[in-house]
Amino acid sequence: RSSGCTCSSKTFTAACAVYYWLLTKGQPSRVITIAPTNRQVEMNLWGYLPTIYRNAKLNFGYPPTTKDWKLDRDWYAKGFAPDDAGAVKGIHGQNDLIIIDDAQSVRKDIINADISACS
């Protein structure tokens, strides 16, 4: 396994992509973010979202929580650390975005399940 570079703003950029996707795709759209551990989900990518929300010139819905941002029934973002590939199967829709943060530490079978969900 290779490791990704550090301090390059990858995770911050991914958090911006969550905000951008929901804003530009409108309803219905979903963003699913995945990281190796719940700590990484909550502290890394989802740690940036409240700040992005506060500093944005255009806000919508309620502010994001530590792993959830629900704007409407089919318009939301959710972060999680799946334990098995079955947890990510069935995640697909016309305006869905799946972001894998720290992908080098996510099990290969989970990444493959994400890829097959998008095809």
C-alpha atoms as a PDB file:
ATOM      1  CA  ARG A   1       0.000   0.000   0.000  1.00  0.00           C
ATOM      2  CA  SER A   2       1.181   3.447  -0.798  1.00  0.00           C
ATOM      3  CA  SER A   3       0.457   6.413   1.399  1.00  0.00           C
ATOM      4  CA  GLY A   4      -0.931   9.715   0.180  1.00  0.00           C
ATOM      5  CA  CYS A   5       0.879  12.975   0.644  1.00  0.00           C
ATOM      6  CA  THR A   6       0.002  15.020   3.711  1.00  0.00           C
ATOM      7  CA  CYS A   7      -0.938  18.692   4.124  1.00  0.00           C
ATOM      8  CA  SER A   8      -1.992  19.044   0.489  1.00  0.00           C
ATOM      9  CA  SER A   9      -5.625  20.109   1.147  1.00  0.00           C
ATOM     10  CA  LYS A  10      -7.103  16.919  -0.370  1.00  0.00           C
ATOM     11  CA  THR A  11      -9.588  16.481   2.478  1.00  0.00           C
ATOM     12  CA  PHE A  12     -10.539  20.160   2.546  1.00  0.00           C
ATOM     13  CA  THR A  13     -11.110  20.050  -1.223  1.00  0.00           C
ATOM     14  CA  ALA A  14     -13.293  16.962  -0.773  1.00  0.00           C
ATOM     15  CA  ALA A  15     -15.340  18.829   1.866  1.00  0.00           C
ATOM     16  CA  CYS A  16     -15.773  21.724  -0.583  1.00  0.00           C
ATOM     17  CA  ALA A  17     -16.940  19.194  -3.180  1.00  0.00           C
ATOM     18  CA  VAL A  18     -19.686  18.014  -0.795  1.00  0.00           C
ATOM     19  CA  TYR A  19     -20.979  21.560  -0.447  1.00  0.00           C
ATOM     20  CA  TYR A  20     -20.643  22.312  -4.175  1.00  0.00           C
ATOM     21  CA  TRP A  21     -22.374  19.083  -5.253  1.00  0.00           C
ATOM     22  CA  LEU A  22     -25.436  19.632  -3.091  1.00  0.00           C
ATOM     23  CA  LEU A  23     -25.647  23.294  -4.037  1.00  0.00           C
ATOM     24  CA  THR A  24     -25.316  22.826  -7.791  1.00  0.00           C
ATOM     25  CA  LYS A  25     -27.195  19.538  -8.274  1.00  0.00           C
ATOM     26  CA  GLY A  26     -30.150  20.540  -6.136  1.00  0.00           C
ATOM     27  CA  GLN A  27     -32.823  18.051  -5.234  1.00  0.00           C
ATOM     28  CA  PRO A  28     -32.541  15.086  -5.578  1.00  0.00           C
ATOM     29  CA  SER A  29     -28.832  14.660  -4.880  1.00  0.00           C
ATOM     30  CA  ARG A  30     -26.779  12.799  -2.327  1.00  0.00           C
ATOM     31  CA  VAL A  31     -23.150  12.731  -1.250  1.00  0.00           C
ATOM     32  CA  ILE A  32     -21.721   9.740   0.574  1.00  0.00           C
ATOM     33  CA  THR A  33     -18.305  10.162   2.156  1.00  0.00           C
ATOM     34  CA  ILE A  34     -16.275   7.205   3.328  1.00  0.00           C
ATOM     35  CA  ALA A  35     -13.138   7.055   5.459  1.00  0.00           C
ATOM     36  CA  PRO A  36     -11.322   4.190   7.170  1.00  0.00           C
ATOM     37  CA  THR A  37     -12.517   5.065  10.714  1.00  0.00           C
ATOM     38  CA  ASN A  38     -15.362   7.031  12.298  1.00  0.00           C
ATOM     39  CA  ARG A  39     -12.773   9.323  13.896  1.00  0.00           C
ATOM     40  CA  GLN A  40     -11.465  10.207  10.435  1.00  0.00           C
ATOM     41  CA  VAL A  41     -14.994  10.774   9.115  1.00  0.00           C
ATOM     42  CA  GLU A  42     -15.904  13.116  11.967  1.00  0.00           C
ATOM     43  CA  MET A  43     -12.640  14.982  12.508  1.00  0.00           C
ATOM     44  CA  ASN A  44     -11.258  15.235   8.992  1.00  0.00           C
ATOM     45  CA  LEU A  45     -13.660  15.833   6.096  1.00  0.00           C
ATOM     46  CA  TRP A  46     -16.761  16.440   8.217  1.00  0.00           C
ATOM     47  CA  GLY A  47     -14.710  18.643  10.538  1.00  0.00           C
ATOM     48  CA  TYR A  48     -14.354  21.144   7.685  1.00  0.00           C
ATOM     49  CA  LEU A  49     -18.026  21.278   6.670  1.00  0.00           C
ATOM     50  CA  PRO A  50     -19.352  23.515   9.507  1.00  0.00           C
ATOM     51  CA  THR A  51     -16.630  26.084   8.744  1.00  0.00           C
ATOM     52  CA  ILE A  52     -17.351  25.975   5.019  1.00  0.00           C
ATOM     53  CA  TYR A  53     -21.048  26.380   5.817  1.00  0.00           C
ATOM     54  CA  ARG A  54     -20.427  29.384   8.112  1.00  0.00           C
ATOM     55  CA  ASN A  55     -18.126  31.110   5.606  1.00  0.00           C
ATOM     56  CA  ALA A  56     -20.217  30.461   2.502  1.00  0.00           C
ATOM     57  CA  LYS A  57     -21.984  33.386   0.861  1.00  0.00           C
ATOM     58  CA  LEU A  58     -24.944  31.115   0.076  1.00  0.00           C
ATOM     59  CA  ASN A  59     -26.254  28.798   2.792  1.00  0.00           C
ATOM     60  CA  PHE A  60     -29.137  26.401   2.592  1.00  0.00           C
ATOM     61  CA  GLY A  61     -30.753  24.014   5.032  1.00  0.00           C
ATOM     62  CA  TYR A  62     -29.538  23.402   8.532  1.00  0.00           C
ATOM     63  CA  PRO A  63     -25.791  23.319   9.243  1.00  0.00           C
ATOM     64  CA  PRO A  64     -24.070  19.947   8.869  1.00  0.00           C
ATOM     65  CA  THR A  65     -23.487  17.786  11.944  1.00  0.00           C
ATOM     66  CA  THR A  66     -20.513  15.488  12.552  1.00  0.00           C
ATOM     67  CA  LYS A  67     -21.563  12.928   9.904  1.00  0.00           C
ATOM     68  CA  ASP A  68     -24.887  14.059   8.482  1.00  0.00           C
ATOM     69  CA  TRP A  69     -26.313  16.961   6.505  1.00  0.00           C
ATOM     70  CA  LYS A  70     -29.973  16.525   5.664  1.00  0.00           C
ATOM     71  CA  LEU A  71     -31.566  19.173   3.469  1.00  0.00           C
ATOM     72  CA  ASP A  72     -34.592  17.118   2.427  1.00  0.00           C
ATOM     73  CA  ARG A  73     -35.661  13.487   2.089  1.00  0.00           C
ATOM     74  CA  ASP A  74     -33.597  12.871  -1.044  1.00  0.00           C
ATOM     75  CA  TRP A  75     -31.130  15.751  -0.720  1.00  0.00           C
ATOM     76  CA  TYR A  76     -28.397  15.062   1.808  1.00  0.00           C
ATOM     77  CA  ALA A  77     -24.817  14.124   2.616  1.00  0.00           C
ATOM     78  CA  LYS A  78     -23.746  11.356   4.945  1.00  0.00           C
ATOM     79  CA  GLY A  79     -20.361  10.181   6.168  1.00  0.00           C
ATOM     80  CA  PHE A  80     -19.468   6.763   7.457  1.00  0.00           C
ATOM     81  CA  ALA A  81     -16.713   4.193   7.929  1.00  0.00           C
ATOM     82  CA  PRO A  82     -18.027   0.909   6.528  1.00  0.00           C
ATOM     83  CA  ASP A  83     -16.961  -2.347   8.161  1.00  0.00           C
ATOM     84  CA  ASP A  84     -17.731  -4.450   5.110  1.00  0.00           C
ATOM     85  CA  ALA A  85     -18.348  -4.059   1.400  1.00  0.00           C
ATOM     86  CA  GLY A  86     -22.039  -4.869   1.823  1.00  0.00           C
ATOM     87  CA  ALA A  87     -22.511  -1.573   3.651  1.00  0.00           C
ATOM     88  CA  VAL A  88     -21.875   0.415   0.471  1.00  0.00           C
ATOM     89  CA  LYS A  89     -23.772  -1.730  -2.013  1.00  0.00           C
ATOM     90  CA  GLY A  90     -26.964  -0.182  -3.281  1.00  0.00           C
ATOM     91  CA  ILE A  91     -25.742   3.400  -2.946  1.00  0.00           C
ATOM     92  CA  HIS A  92     -26.472   4.819  -6.365  1.00  0.00           C
ATOM     93  CA  GLY A  93     -28.710   7.373  -7.995  1.00  0.00           C
ATOM     94  CA  GLN A  94     -28.690   9.869 -10.817  1.00  0.00           C
ATOM     95  CA  ASN A  95     -27.141  12.709  -8.783  1.00  0.00           C
ATOM     96  CA  ASP A  96     -25.009  10.803  -6.295  1.00  0.00           C
ATOM     97  CA  LEU A  97     -21.394  11.483  -5.444  1.00  0.00           C
ATOM     98  CA  ILE A  98     -19.236   9.074  -3.456  1.00  0.00           C
ATOM     99  CA  ILE A  99     -16.058  10.486  -1.899  1.00  0.00           C
ATOM    100  CA  ILE A 100     -13.447   8.181  -0.372  1.00  0.00           C
ATOM    101  CA  ASP A 101     -11.151  10.057   1.997  1.00  0.00           C
ATOM    102  CA  ASP A 102      -7.818   8.453   2.935  1.00  0.00           C
ATOM    103  CA  ALA A 103      -8.547   5.829   0.286  1.00  0.00           C
ATOM    104  CA  GLN A 104      -5.144   4.177   0.736  1.00  0.00           C
ATOM    105  CA  SER A 105      -6.390   2.937   4.137  1.00  0.00           C
ATOM    106  CA  VAL A 106      -9.835   1.784   2.984  1.00  0.00           C
ATOM    107  CA  ARG A 107     -10.064  -1.934   2.261  1.00  0.00           C
ATOM    108  CA  LYS A 108      -9.939  -2.796  -1.429  1.00  0.00           C
ATOM    109  CA  ASP A 109     -13.219  -4.763  -1.355  1.00  0.00           C
ATOM    110  CA  ILE A 110     -15.024  -1.657  -0.053  1.00  0.00           C
ATOM    111  CA  ILE A 111     -13.540   0.521  -2.806  1.00  0.00           C
ATOM    112  CA  ASN A 112     -14.509  -2.082  -5.414  1.00  0.00           C
ATOM    113  CA  ALA A 113     -18.070  -2.134  -4.047  1.00  0.00           C
ATOM    114  CA  ASP A 114     -18.175   1.674  -4.406  1.00  0.00           C
ATOM    115  CA  ILE A 115     -16.927   1.480  -7.975  1.00  0.00           C
ATOM    116  CA  SER A 116     -19.460  -1.193  -8.935  1.00  0.00           C
ATOM    117  CA  ALA A 117     -22.260   0.876  -7.355  1.00  0.00           C
ATOM    118  CA  CYS A 118     -21.386   3.741  -9.703  1.00  0.00           C
ATOM    119  CA  SER A 119     -21.378   1.664 -12.884  1.00  0.00           C
END
